[in-house]
Amino acid sequence: MDIMSDNFNRDSAWELVKKYNEEPFHLHHAVTVEGVMRYYAEKHGYDPDFWGLAGLLHDVDFEKWPEEHCKKAPELLAEINTPEELVHAVCSHGYGICVDVEPTHEMEKFLFASDELTGLIGAATLLRPSRSCKDMDVKSVKKKFKDKKFAAGCDRDVIKRGADMMGVELNELFEIVLEAMQSMPEAEELDAQNGIS
């Protein structure tokens, strides 16, 4: 699916994210989820640009309108003529949390499942001596997942629901997302590549 146009492409999507998000944490999360989505798409024969843009844009409205998360997004996404398929994908990651837009495509289900999990793995990375997920294993992710006090803001029920939507066991989801994050540049390099400081 060719979704790129003169006014809708990765550059315009990133500018939109930066227009409504200033916190480095939120910007880093956006490019992390983008990378995870691209990795999964490439591995499974899907369009990595489409999947990556869904990841990049998924929280476009969260920083400025947390109480309208996934509800304000269509208005913001219209600024760059975002295709309807991507608007649906962005909104569907809030299914049962803040909107009734159900994930139907595999990409939407993976976005729903991986969003919170990237945060959990990212938080666990910060506690490692290496400050990297490259030397992390699934057992470590599982241990942090079971510790409800660790990264308490990462909703474990959402992660479980996402795995169920995808029809995979939690350990398989942990493995998929960890592998995707391990394939990406280290956090500092990823931020530098995207002008995040």
N, C-alpha and C. Protein backbone atom coordinates (compact mmCIF):
# COMPACT_ATOMS: atom_id res chain seq x y z
N MET A 1 0.85 -1.18 0.00
CA MET A 1 0.00 0.00 0.00
C MET A 1 0.89 1.24 0.00
N ASP A 2 0.75 2.08 -1.02
CA ASP A 2 1.54 3.30 -1.09
C ASP A 2 0.77 4.41 -0.38
N ILE A 3 1.25 4.78 0.79
CA ILE A 3 0.53 5.78 1.59
C ILE A 3 1.21 7.13 1.58
N MET A 4 2.39 7.19 0.99
CA MET A 4 3.14 8.45 1.00
C MET A 4 2.60 9.41 -0.07
N SER A 5 2.64 10.68 0.25
CA SER A 5 2.25 11.72 -0.69
C SER A 5 3.09 12.94 -0.38
N ASP A 6 2.86 14.04 -1.11
CA ASP A 6 3.64 15.25 -0.86
C ASP A 6 3.44 15.78 0.56
N ASN A 7 2.20 15.69 1.08
CA ASN A 7 1.99 16.20 2.44
C ASN A 7 1.87 15.13 3.50
N PHE A 8 1.86 13.87 3.13
CA PHE A 8 1.86 12.82 4.15
C PHE A 8 3.03 11.87 3.89
N ASN A 9 4.01 11.94 4.80
CA ASN A 9 5.17 11.07 4.74
C ASN A 9 5.79 11.02 6.13
N ARG A 10 6.88 10.35 6.27
CA ARG A 10 7.51 10.19 7.59
C ARG A 10 7.90 11.55 8.16
N ASP A 11 8.42 12.43 7.31
CA ASP A 11 8.84 13.76 7.80
C ASP A 11 7.65 14.56 8.33
N SER A 12 6.55 14.58 7.59
CA SER A 12 5.39 15.36 8.06
C SER A 12 4.78 14.72 9.30
N ALA A 13 4.82 13.39 9.38
CA ALA A 13 4.30 12.71 10.57
C ALA A 13 5.14 13.05 11.79
N TRP A 14 6.46 13.04 11.65
CA TRP A 14 7.36 13.35 12.76
C TRP A 14 7.19 14.81 13.20
N GLU A 15 7.05 15.71 12.24
CA GLU A 15 6.82 17.12 12.59
C GLU A 15 5.51 17.28 13.37
N LEU A 16 4.49 16.54 12.99
CA LEU A 16 3.22 16.61 13.71
C LEU A 16 3.38 16.09 15.14
N VAL A 17 4.08 14.99 15.30
CA VAL A 17 4.32 14.44 16.64
C VAL A 17 5.05 15.49 17.49
N LYS A 18 6.08 16.12 16.93
CA LYS A 18 6.86 17.12 17.68
C LYS A 18 6.05 18.39 17.95
N LYS A 19 5.12 18.71 17.09
CA LYS A 19 4.27 19.89 17.29
C LYS A 19 3.43 19.75 18.56
N TYR A 20 2.97 18.54 18.83
CA TYR A 20 2.07 18.33 19.97
C TYR A 20 2.71 17.56 21.13
N ASN A 21 3.98 17.23 21.02
CA ASN A 21 4.69 16.53 22.08
C ASN A 21 6.07 17.14 22.23
N GLU A 22 6.39 17.59 23.44
CA GLU A 22 7.69 18.22 23.69
C GLU A 22 8.56 17.40 24.62
N GLU A 23 7.94 16.56 25.45
CA GLU A 23 8.70 15.78 26.43
C GLU A 23 9.57 14.75 25.70
N PRO A 24 10.88 14.75 25.98
CA PRO A 24 11.75 13.75 25.33
C PRO A 24 11.27 12.31 25.55
N PHE A 25 10.70 12.04 26.73
CA PHE A 25 10.19 10.69 27.00
C PHE A 25 9.13 10.29 25.97
N HIS A 26 8.18 11.19 25.69
CA HIS A 26 7.11 10.88 24.74
C HIS A 26 7.65 10.75 23.32
N LEU A 27 8.60 11.61 22.97
CA LEU A 27 9.20 11.53 21.63
C LEU A 27 9.98 10.24 21.46
N HIS A 28 10.73 9.86 22.50
CA HIS A 28 11.47 8.59 22.44
C HIS A 28 10.51 7.41 22.32
N HIS A 29 9.43 7.46 23.07
CA HIS A 29 8.45 6.38 23.00
C HIS A 29 7.88 6.26 21.58
N ALA A 30 7.61 7.40 20.95
CA ALA A 30 7.06 7.38 19.59
C ALA A 30 8.01 6.69 18.61
N VAL A 31 9.30 7.05 18.65
CA VAL A 31 10.23 6.43 17.70
C VAL A 31 10.55 4.99 18.07
N THR A 32 10.44 4.65 19.35
CA THR A 32 10.64 3.26 19.75
C THR A 32 9.51 2.40 19.21
N VAL A 33 8.27 2.83 19.41
CA VAL A 33 7.13 2.05 18.91
C VAL A 33 7.17 2.01 17.38
N GLU A 34 7.59 3.09 16.75
CA GLU A 34 7.75 3.08 15.29
C GLU A 34 8.72 1.96 14.88
N GLY A 35 9.86 1.88 15.54
CA GLY A 35 10.86 0.86 15.20
C GLY A 35 10.37 -0.55 15.43
N VAL A 36 9.66 -0.75 16.52
CA VAL A 36 9.11 -2.08 16.83
C VAL A 36 8.09 -2.48 15.76
N MET A 37 7.25 -1.53 15.37
CA MET A 37 6.24 -1.81 14.34
C MET A 37 6.90 -2.12 13.00
N ARG A 38 7.91 -1.35 12.63
CA ARG A 38 8.62 -1.59 11.36
C ARG A 38 9.26 -2.97 11.37
N TYR A 39 9.89 -3.33 12.47
CA TYR A 39 10.57 -4.62 12.58
C TYR A 39 9.58 -5.77 12.36
N TYR A 40 8.45 -5.71 13.06
CA TYR A 40 7.45 -6.77 12.95
C TYR A 40 6.92 -6.84 11.52
N ALA A 41 6.65 -5.70 10.91
CA ALA A 41 6.12 -5.66 9.54
C ALA A 41 7.11 -6.29 8.56
N GLU A 42 8.37 -5.90 8.67
CA GLU A 42 9.39 -6.45 7.78
C GLU A 42 9.51 -7.96 7.94
N LYS A 43 9.46 -8.41 9.17
CA LYS A 43 9.61 -9.84 9.45
C LYS A 43 8.44 -10.66 8.93
N HIS A 44 7.26 -10.04 8.84
CA HIS A 44 6.05 -10.78 8.46
C HIS A 44 5.50 -10.38 7.09
N GLY A 45 6.29 -9.65 6.31
CA GLY A 45 5.91 -9.36 4.93
C GLY A 45 4.88 -8.26 4.75
N TYR A 46 4.77 -7.37 5.73
CA TYR A 46 3.85 -6.23 5.62
C TYR A 46 4.63 -4.97 5.24
N ASP A 47 3.91 -3.90 4.98
CA ASP A 47 4.51 -2.62 4.60
C ASP A 47 5.09 -1.94 5.84
N PRO A 48 6.43 -1.89 5.95
CA PRO A 48 7.03 -1.31 7.16
C PRO A 48 6.76 0.19 7.30
N ASP A 49 6.56 0.90 6.18
CA ASP A 49 6.28 2.34 6.28
C ASP A 49 4.92 2.56 6.93
N PHE A 50 3.91 1.82 6.48
CA PHE A 50 2.56 1.94 7.04
C PHE A 50 2.56 1.59 8.52
N TRP A 51 3.15 0.45 8.85
CA TRP A 51 3.20 0.01 10.24
C TRP A 51 4.01 0.98 11.10
N GLY A 52 5.14 1.43 10.57
CA GLY A 52 5.99 2.35 11.33
C GLY A 52 5.29 3.67 11.62
N LEU A 53 4.57 4.19 10.64
CA LEU A 53 3.86 5.44 10.86
C LEU A 53 2.75 5.30 11.88
N ALA A 54 2.11 4.15 11.92
CA ALA A 54 1.11 3.91 12.97
C ALA A 54 1.77 4.00 14.35
N GLY A 55 2.94 3.40 14.48
CA GLY A 55 3.68 3.46 15.74
C GLY A 55 4.13 4.86 16.07
N LEU A 56 4.66 5.57 15.09
CA LEU A 56 5.16 6.93 15.30
C LEU A 56 4.04 7.87 15.75
N LEU A 57 2.87 7.74 15.15
CA LEU A 57 1.77 8.67 15.39
C LEU A 57 0.82 8.25 16.52
N HIS A 58 0.99 7.07 17.07
CA HIS A 58 -0.05 6.50 17.93
C HIS A 58 -0.41 7.36 19.15
N ASP A 59 0.53 8.10 19.69
CA ASP A 59 0.26 8.94 20.88
C ASP A 59 0.29 10.43 20.56
N VAL A 60 0.01 10.80 19.32
CA VAL A 60 0.13 12.19 18.89
C VAL A 60 -0.63 13.16 19.79
N ASP A 61 -1.74 12.72 20.35
CA ASP A 61 -2.57 13.61 21.17
C ASP A 61 -2.37 13.44 22.67
N PHE A 62 -1.54 12.51 23.09
CA PHE A 62 -1.49 12.13 24.50
C PHE A 62 -0.91 13.21 25.42
N GLU A 63 0.16 13.85 25.01
CA GLU A 63 0.82 14.79 25.92
C GLU A 63 -0.05 16.02 26.22
N LYS A 64 -0.67 16.58 25.22
CA LYS A 64 -1.45 17.81 25.41
C LYS A 64 -2.91 17.54 25.80
N TRP A 65 -3.45 16.41 25.40
CA TRP A 65 -4.86 16.09 25.69
C TRP A 65 -5.00 14.67 26.25
N PRO A 66 -4.38 14.38 27.39
CA PRO A 66 -4.45 13.01 27.92
C PRO A 66 -5.88 12.54 28.19
N GLU A 67 -6.76 13.48 28.55
CA GLU A 67 -8.15 13.11 28.83
C GLU A 67 -8.95 12.88 27.54
N GLU A 68 -8.38 13.26 26.40
CA GLU A 68 -9.03 13.05 25.10
C GLU A 68 -8.20 12.13 24.21
N HIS A 69 -7.35 11.31 24.86
CA HIS A 69 -6.45 10.43 24.11
C HIS A 69 -7.23 9.54 23.15
N CYS A 70 -6.77 9.49 21.93
CA CYS A 70 -7.37 8.72 20.82
C CYS A 70 -8.68 9.34 20.31
N LYS A 71 -9.17 10.35 20.98
CA LYS A 71 -10.37 11.06 20.52
C LYS A 71 -9.98 12.34 19.78
N LYS A 72 -8.93 12.99 20.24
CA LYS A 72 -8.43 14.21 19.61
C LYS A 72 -7.57 13.87 18.38
N ALA A 73 -7.02 12.68 18.36
CA ALA A 73 -6.08 12.28 17.31
C ALA A 73 -6.60 12.50 15.88
N PRO A 74 -7.84 12.12 15.54
CA PRO A 74 -8.28 12.32 14.14
C PRO A 74 -8.18 13.77 13.67
N GLU A 75 -8.51 14.69 14.55
CA GLU A 75 -8.41 16.12 14.21
C GLU A 75 -6.96 16.51 13.91
N LEU A 76 -6.03 16.04 14.74
CA LEU A 76 -4.62 16.37 14.55
C LEU A 76 -4.06 15.69 13.31
N LEU A 77 -4.44 14.44 13.11
CA LEU A 77 -3.94 13.68 11.96
C LEU A 77 -4.44 14.25 10.64
N ALA A 78 -5.59 14.92 10.66
CA ALA A 78 -6.13 15.54 9.45
C ALA A 78 -5.22 16.66 8.95
N GLU A 79 -4.43 17.24 9.85
CA GLU A 79 -3.53 18.33 9.46
C GLU A 79 -2.52 17.91 8.40
N ILE A 80 -2.20 16.62 8.38
CA ILE A 80 -1.22 16.13 7.40
C ILE A 80 -1.86 15.12 6.43
N ASN A 81 -3.19 15.17 6.34
CA ASN A 81 -3.91 14.29 5.40
C ASN A 81 -3.58 12.82 5.61
N THR A 82 -3.59 12.40 6.87
CA THR A 82 -3.31 11.02 7.21
C THR A 82 -4.38 10.11 6.62
N PRO A 83 -3.98 9.05 5.93
CA PRO A 83 -4.97 8.12 5.37
C PRO A 83 -5.87 7.53 6.47
N GLU A 84 -7.12 7.29 6.13
CA GLU A 84 -8.12 6.80 7.08
C GLU A 84 -7.67 5.51 7.77
N GLU A 85 -6.98 4.64 7.03
CA GLU A 85 -6.51 3.37 7.63
C GLU A 85 -5.58 3.63 8.80
N LEU A 86 -4.74 4.66 8.68
CA LEU A 86 -3.82 4.98 9.78
C LEU A 86 -4.54 5.69 10.92
N VAL A 87 -5.52 6.51 10.60
CA VAL A 87 -6.31 7.16 11.65
C VAL A 87 -6.99 6.08 12.50
N HIS A 88 -7.58 5.10 11.83
CA HIS A 88 -8.24 3.99 12.54
C HIS A 88 -7.25 3.24 13.42
N ALA A 89 -6.06 2.98 12.86
CA ALA A 89 -5.03 2.25 13.61
C ALA A 89 -4.62 3.02 14.86
N VAL A 90 -4.37 4.31 14.71
CA VAL A 90 -3.97 5.15 15.85
C VAL A 90 -5.06 5.12 16.93
N CYS A 91 -6.29 5.31 16.52
CA CYS A 91 -7.39 5.35 17.49
C CYS A 91 -7.63 4.00 18.14
N SER A 92 -7.43 2.92 17.39
CA SER A 92 -7.74 1.58 17.91
C SER A 92 -6.82 1.13 19.03
N HIS A 93 -5.65 1.77 19.18
CA HIS A 93 -4.77 1.32 20.27
C HIS A 93 -5.31 1.73 21.64
N GLY A 94 -6.38 2.55 21.65
CA GLY A 94 -7.03 2.91 22.91
C GLY A 94 -8.31 2.13 23.16
N TYR A 95 -8.50 1.04 22.41
CA TYR A 95 -9.74 0.26 22.51
C TYR A 95 -9.98 -0.26 23.93
N GLY A 96 -11.19 0.01 24.44
CA GLY A 96 -11.56 -0.46 25.76
C GLY A 96 -10.91 0.32 26.90
N ILE A 97 -10.09 1.30 26.54
CA ILE A 97 -9.40 2.12 27.54
C ILE A 97 -10.00 3.53 27.50
N CYS A 98 -10.03 4.08 26.28
CA CYS A 98 -10.54 5.44 26.14
C CYS A 98 -11.41 5.62 24.89
N VAL A 99 -11.49 4.60 24.03
CA VAL A 99 -12.34 4.65 22.83
C VAL A 99 -12.94 3.28 22.56
N ASP A 100 -13.93 3.27 21.66
CA ASP A 100 -14.58 2.01 21.27
C ASP A 100 -14.13 1.55 19.89
N VAL A 101 -13.05 2.11 19.36
CA VAL A 101 -12.54 1.73 18.04
C VAL A 101 -11.74 0.44 18.19
N GLU A 102 -12.28 -0.64 17.66
CA GLU A 102 -11.67 -1.96 17.87
C GLU A 102 -10.55 -2.24 16.88
N PRO A 103 -9.42 -2.77 17.36
CA PRO A 103 -8.36 -3.19 16.45
C PRO A 103 -8.84 -4.41 15.64
N THR A 104 -8.77 -4.31 14.33
CA THR A 104 -9.22 -5.42 13.48
C THR A 104 -8.09 -6.01 12.65
N HIS A 105 -7.20 -5.17 12.15
CA HIS A 105 -6.08 -5.61 11.34
C HIS A 105 -4.97 -6.12 12.26
N GLU A 106 -4.16 -7.04 11.77
CA GLU A 106 -3.05 -7.56 12.58
C GLU A 106 -2.14 -6.44 13.07
N MET A 107 -1.94 -5.42 12.22
CA MET A 107 -1.10 -4.28 12.60
C MET A 107 -1.68 -3.56 13.81
N GLU A 108 -2.98 -3.37 13.82
CA GLU A 108 -3.63 -2.68 14.93
C GLU A 108 -3.55 -3.50 16.21
N LYS A 109 -3.69 -4.79 16.07
CA LYS A 109 -3.59 -5.68 17.24
C LYS A 109 -2.17 -5.67 17.81
N PHE A 110 -1.17 -5.66 16.92
CA PHE A 110 0.21 -5.62 17.39
C PHE A 110 0.54 -4.29 18.04
N LEU A 111 0.03 -3.20 17.49
CA LEU A 111 0.22 -1.88 18.10
C LEU A 111 -0.37 -1.88 19.51
N PHE A 112 -1.59 -2.37 19.64
CA PHE A 112 -2.26 -2.45 20.94
C PHE A 112 -1.41 -3.27 21.92
N ALA A 113 -0.92 -4.41 21.45
CA ALA A 113 -0.18 -5.34 22.32
C ALA A 113 1.21 -4.82 22.70
N SER A 114 1.86 -4.13 21.78
CA SER A 114 3.27 -3.77 22.01
C SER A 114 3.48 -2.40 22.66
N ASP A 115 2.51 -1.53 22.57
CA ASP A 115 2.66 -0.16 23.08
C ASP A 115 3.10 -0.14 24.54
N GLU A 116 2.32 -0.72 25.42
CA GLU A 116 2.65 -0.73 26.85
C GLU A 116 3.91 -1.56 27.12
N LEU A 117 4.09 -2.62 26.36
CA LEU A 117 5.23 -3.51 26.59
C LEU A 117 6.55 -2.82 26.26
N THR A 118 6.57 -1.96 25.24
CA THR A 118 7.81 -1.22 24.96
C THR A 118 8.18 -0.34 26.15
N GLY A 119 7.18 0.20 26.83
CA GLY A 119 7.44 1.02 28.01
C GLY A 119 8.02 0.20 29.15
N LEU A 120 7.47 -0.99 29.36
CA LEU A 120 7.96 -1.87 30.42
C LEU A 120 9.41 -2.28 30.14
N ILE A 121 9.69 -2.68 28.91
CA ILE A 121 11.05 -3.09 28.55
C ILE A 121 12.00 -1.89 28.64
N GLY A 122 11.54 -0.73 28.21
CA GLY A 122 12.36 0.48 28.30
C GLY A 122 12.71 0.82 29.74
N ALA A 123 11.74 0.70 30.63
CA ALA A 123 11.98 0.98 32.05
C ALA A 123 12.97 -0.04 32.63
N ALA A 124 12.83 -1.30 32.26
CA ALA A 124 13.74 -2.34 32.74
C ALA A 124 15.16 -2.08 32.24
N THR A 125 15.28 -1.58 31.03
CA THR A 125 16.58 -1.27 30.44
C THR A 125 17.34 -0.25 31.28
N LEU A 126 16.63 0.74 31.81
CA LEU A 126 17.27 1.80 32.58
C LEU A 126 17.91 1.28 33.87
N LEU A 127 17.44 0.14 34.37
CA LEU A 127 17.98 -0.42 35.60
C LEU A 127 19.15 -1.37 35.37
N ARG A 128 19.41 -1.72 34.13
CA ARG A 128 20.49 -2.66 33.83
C ARG A 128 21.83 -1.94 33.85
N PRO A 129 22.88 -2.61 34.30
CA PRO A 129 24.21 -1.97 34.29
C PRO A 129 24.60 -1.48 32.89
N SER A 130 24.21 -2.22 31.87
CA SER A 130 24.53 -1.85 30.49
C SER A 130 23.64 -0.73 29.96
N ARG A 131 22.50 -0.49 30.64
CA ARG A 131 21.48 0.46 30.17
C ARG A 131 21.07 0.16 28.74
N SER A 132 21.01 -1.14 28.45
CA SER A 132 20.67 -1.61 27.11
C SER A 132 19.74 -2.82 27.22
N CYS A 133 18.88 -2.98 26.24
CA CYS A 133 18.05 -4.19 26.22
C CYS A 133 18.72 -5.29 25.40
N LYS A 134 19.86 -5.00 24.80
CA LYS A 134 20.52 -5.97 23.93
C LYS A 134 20.99 -7.20 24.69
N ASP A 135 21.25 -7.05 25.98
CA ASP A 135 21.68 -8.19 26.79
C ASP A 135 20.56 -8.70 27.70
N MET A 136 19.34 -8.29 27.42
CA MET A 136 18.17 -8.72 28.22
C MET A 136 17.59 -10.00 27.61
N ASP A 137 17.00 -10.81 28.46
CA ASP A 137 16.33 -12.01 27.95
C ASP A 137 14.85 -11.99 28.34
N VAL A 138 14.09 -12.90 27.76
CA VAL A 138 12.65 -12.94 27.99
C VAL A 138 12.35 -13.20 29.47
N LYS A 139 13.19 -13.98 30.12
CA LYS A 139 13.00 -14.27 31.55
C LYS A 139 13.01 -12.97 32.37
N SER A 140 13.90 -12.05 32.02
CA SER A 140 13.97 -10.76 32.71
C SER A 140 12.71 -9.94 32.48
N VAL A 141 12.20 -9.97 31.25
CA VAL A 141 10.98 -9.23 30.93
C VAL A 141 9.81 -9.82 31.73
N LYS A 142 9.74 -11.13 31.75
CA LYS A 142 8.66 -11.81 32.48
C LYS A 142 8.70 -11.47 33.97
N LYS A 143 9.89 -11.42 34.54
CA LYS A 143 10.05 -11.10 35.96
C LYS A 143 9.55 -9.68 36.23
N LYS A 144 9.93 -8.73 35.38
CA LYS A 144 9.49 -7.34 35.56
C LYS A 144 7.98 -7.22 35.34
N PHE A 145 7.45 -7.99 34.41
CA PHE A 145 6.02 -7.98 34.14
C PHE A 145 5.23 -8.43 35.38
N LYS A 146 5.74 -9.44 36.06
CA LYS A 146 5.06 -10.01 37.24
C LYS A 146 5.15 -9.08 38.46
N ASP A 147 6.16 -8.22 38.48
CA ASP A 147 6.34 -7.29 39.60
C ASP A 147 5.46 -6.07 39.36
N LYS A 148 4.30 -6.07 39.97
CA LYS A 148 3.29 -5.01 39.72
C LYS A 148 3.76 -3.62 40.18
N LYS A 149 4.74 -3.59 41.10
CA LYS A 149 5.25 -2.30 41.57
C LYS A 149 6.24 -1.70 40.58
N PHE A 150 6.84 -2.55 39.74
CA PHE A 150 7.80 -2.06 38.76
C PHE A 150 7.05 -1.46 37.57
N ALA A 151 7.43 -0.25 37.16
CA ALA A 151 6.79 0.45 36.03
C ALA A 151 5.27 0.31 36.15
N ALA A 152 4.77 0.74 37.30
CA ALA A 152 3.34 0.56 37.61
C ALA A 152 2.42 1.21 36.59
N GLY A 153 2.92 2.20 35.85
CA GLY A 153 2.11 2.86 34.83
C GLY A 153 1.89 2.02 33.59
N CYS A 154 2.66 0.96 33.43
CA CYS A 154 2.48 0.06 32.28
C CYS A 154 1.38 -0.93 32.62
N ASP A 155 0.28 -0.84 31.92
CA ASP A 155 -0.91 -1.63 32.21
C ASP A 155 -0.75 -3.08 31.75
N ARG A 156 -0.54 -3.97 32.69
CA ARG A 156 -0.34 -5.39 32.38
C ARG A 156 -1.58 -6.02 31.74
N ASP A 157 -2.77 -5.56 32.13
CA ASP A 157 -3.99 -6.10 31.54
C ASP A 157 -4.09 -5.77 30.05
N VAL A 158 -3.65 -4.58 29.68
CA VAL A 158 -3.65 -4.19 28.26
C VAL A 158 -2.70 -5.09 27.49
N ILE A 159 -1.53 -5.35 28.05
CA ILE A 159 -0.55 -6.23 27.40
C ILE A 159 -1.14 -7.63 27.23
N LYS A 160 -1.80 -8.14 28.27
CA LYS A 160 -2.43 -9.47 28.19
C LYS A 160 -3.53 -9.49 27.14
N ARG A 161 -4.36 -8.46 27.14
CA ARG A 161 -5.44 -8.38 26.13
C ARG A 161 -4.87 -8.33 24.73
N GLY A 162 -3.77 -7.61 24.57
CA GLY A 162 -3.12 -7.53 23.26
C GLY A 162 -2.61 -8.87 22.79
N ALA A 163 -1.98 -9.62 23.69
CA ALA A 163 -1.51 -10.97 23.33
C ALA A 163 -2.69 -11.84 22.93
N ASP A 164 -3.78 -11.75 23.69
CA ASP A 164 -4.99 -12.51 23.35
C ASP A 164 -5.53 -12.13 21.98
N MET A 165 -5.58 -10.83 21.69
CA MET A 165 -6.05 -10.36 20.37
C MET A 165 -5.21 -10.97 19.25
N MET A 166 -3.90 -11.03 19.49
CA MET A 166 -2.99 -11.56 18.47
C MET A 166 -3.01 -13.08 18.41
N GLY A 167 -3.57 -13.71 19.45
CA GLY A 167 -3.58 -15.17 19.49
C GLY A 167 -2.24 -15.77 19.84
N VAL A 168 -1.47 -15.05 20.67
CA VAL A 168 -0.15 -15.54 21.09
C VAL A 168 -0.08 -15.59 22.61
N GLU A 169 0.81 -16.42 23.12
CA GLU A 169 1.07 -16.46 24.56
C GLU A 169 1.88 -15.23 24.96
N LEU A 170 1.78 -14.84 26.21
CA LEU A 170 2.53 -13.68 26.70
C LEU A 170 4.02 -13.81 26.43
N ASN A 171 4.59 -14.98 26.70
CA ASN A 171 6.03 -15.16 26.48
C ASN A 171 6.42 -14.91 25.03
N GLU A 172 5.54 -15.31 24.10
CA GLU A 172 5.82 -15.09 22.68
C GLU A 172 5.79 -13.60 22.36
N LEU A 173 4.82 -12.89 22.93
CA LEU A 173 4.76 -11.44 22.74
C LEU A 173 6.01 -10.78 23.33
N PHE A 174 6.41 -11.19 24.53
CA PHE A 174 7.62 -10.65 25.14
C PHE A 174 8.81 -10.84 24.19
N GLU A 175 8.92 -12.04 23.65
CA GLU A 175 10.03 -12.37 22.77
C GLU A 175 10.02 -11.51 21.50
N ILE A 176 8.85 -11.35 20.90
CA ILE A 176 8.71 -10.57 19.66
C ILE A 176 9.13 -9.11 19.90
N VAL A 177 8.57 -8.50 20.95
CA VAL A 177 8.84 -7.08 21.20
C VAL A 177 10.28 -6.87 21.66
N LEU A 178 10.79 -7.74 22.49
CA LEU A 178 12.18 -7.62 22.94
C LEU A 178 13.13 -7.75 21.75
N GLU A 179 12.88 -8.74 20.89
CA GLU A 179 13.71 -8.94 19.70
C GLU A 179 13.68 -7.68 18.82
N ALA A 180 12.50 -7.10 18.66
CA ALA A 180 12.37 -5.89 17.84
C ALA A 180 13.17 -4.74 18.46
N MET A 181 13.07 -4.57 19.77
CA MET A 181 13.80 -3.48 20.43
C MET A 181 15.30 -3.73 20.39
N GLN A 182 15.72 -4.99 20.46
CA GLN A 182 17.14 -5.31 20.40
C GLN A 182 17.72 -5.04 19.01
N SER A 183 16.87 -5.05 17.99
CA SER A 183 17.33 -4.80 16.63
C SER A 183 17.56 -3.31 16.34
N MET A 184 17.09 -2.47 17.24
CA MET A 184 17.15 -1.02 17.04
C MET A 184 18.44 -0.45 17.63
N PRO A 185 18.80 0.78 17.21
CA PRO A 185 19.95 1.44 17.85
C PRO A 185 19.69 1.64 19.34
N GLU A 186 20.77 1.81 20.10
CA GLU A 186 20.63 2.12 21.53
C GLU A 186 19.84 3.42 21.68
N ALA A 187 19.25 3.63 22.85
CA ALA A 187 18.35 4.76 23.08
C ALA A 187 18.99 6.10 22.72
N GLU A 188 20.23 6.33 23.15
CA GLU A 188 20.88 7.60 22.88
C GLU A 188 21.06 7.83 21.38
N GLU A 189 21.44 6.78 20.68
CA GLU A 189 21.64 6.89 19.23
C GLU A 189 20.32 7.11 18.52
N LEU A 190 19.28 6.40 18.94
CA LEU A 190 17.96 6.56 18.36
C LEU A 190 17.47 8.00 18.55
N ASP A 191 17.66 8.52 19.75
CA ASP A 191 17.26 9.91 20.02
C ASP A 191 18.07 10.88 19.16
N ALA A 192 19.37 10.66 19.06
CA ALA A 192 20.22 11.55 18.25
C ALA A 192 19.79 11.53 16.78
N GLN A 193 19.46 10.35 16.27
CA GLN A 193 19.02 10.23 14.88
C GLN A 193 17.76 11.02 14.60
N ASN A 194 16.94 11.22 15.63
CA ASN A 194 15.66 11.88 15.48
C ASN A 194 15.62 13.29 16.09
N GLY A 195 16.78 13.78 16.52
CA GLY A 195 16.86 15.14 17.05
C GLY A 195 16.18 15.32 18.40
N ILE A 196 16.14 14.24 19.19
CA ILE A 196 15.51 14.30 20.52
C ILE A 196 16.61 14.59 21.54
N SER A 197 16.40 15.62 22.36
CA SER A 197 17.42 15.92 23.38
C SER A 197 16.78 16.13 24.73
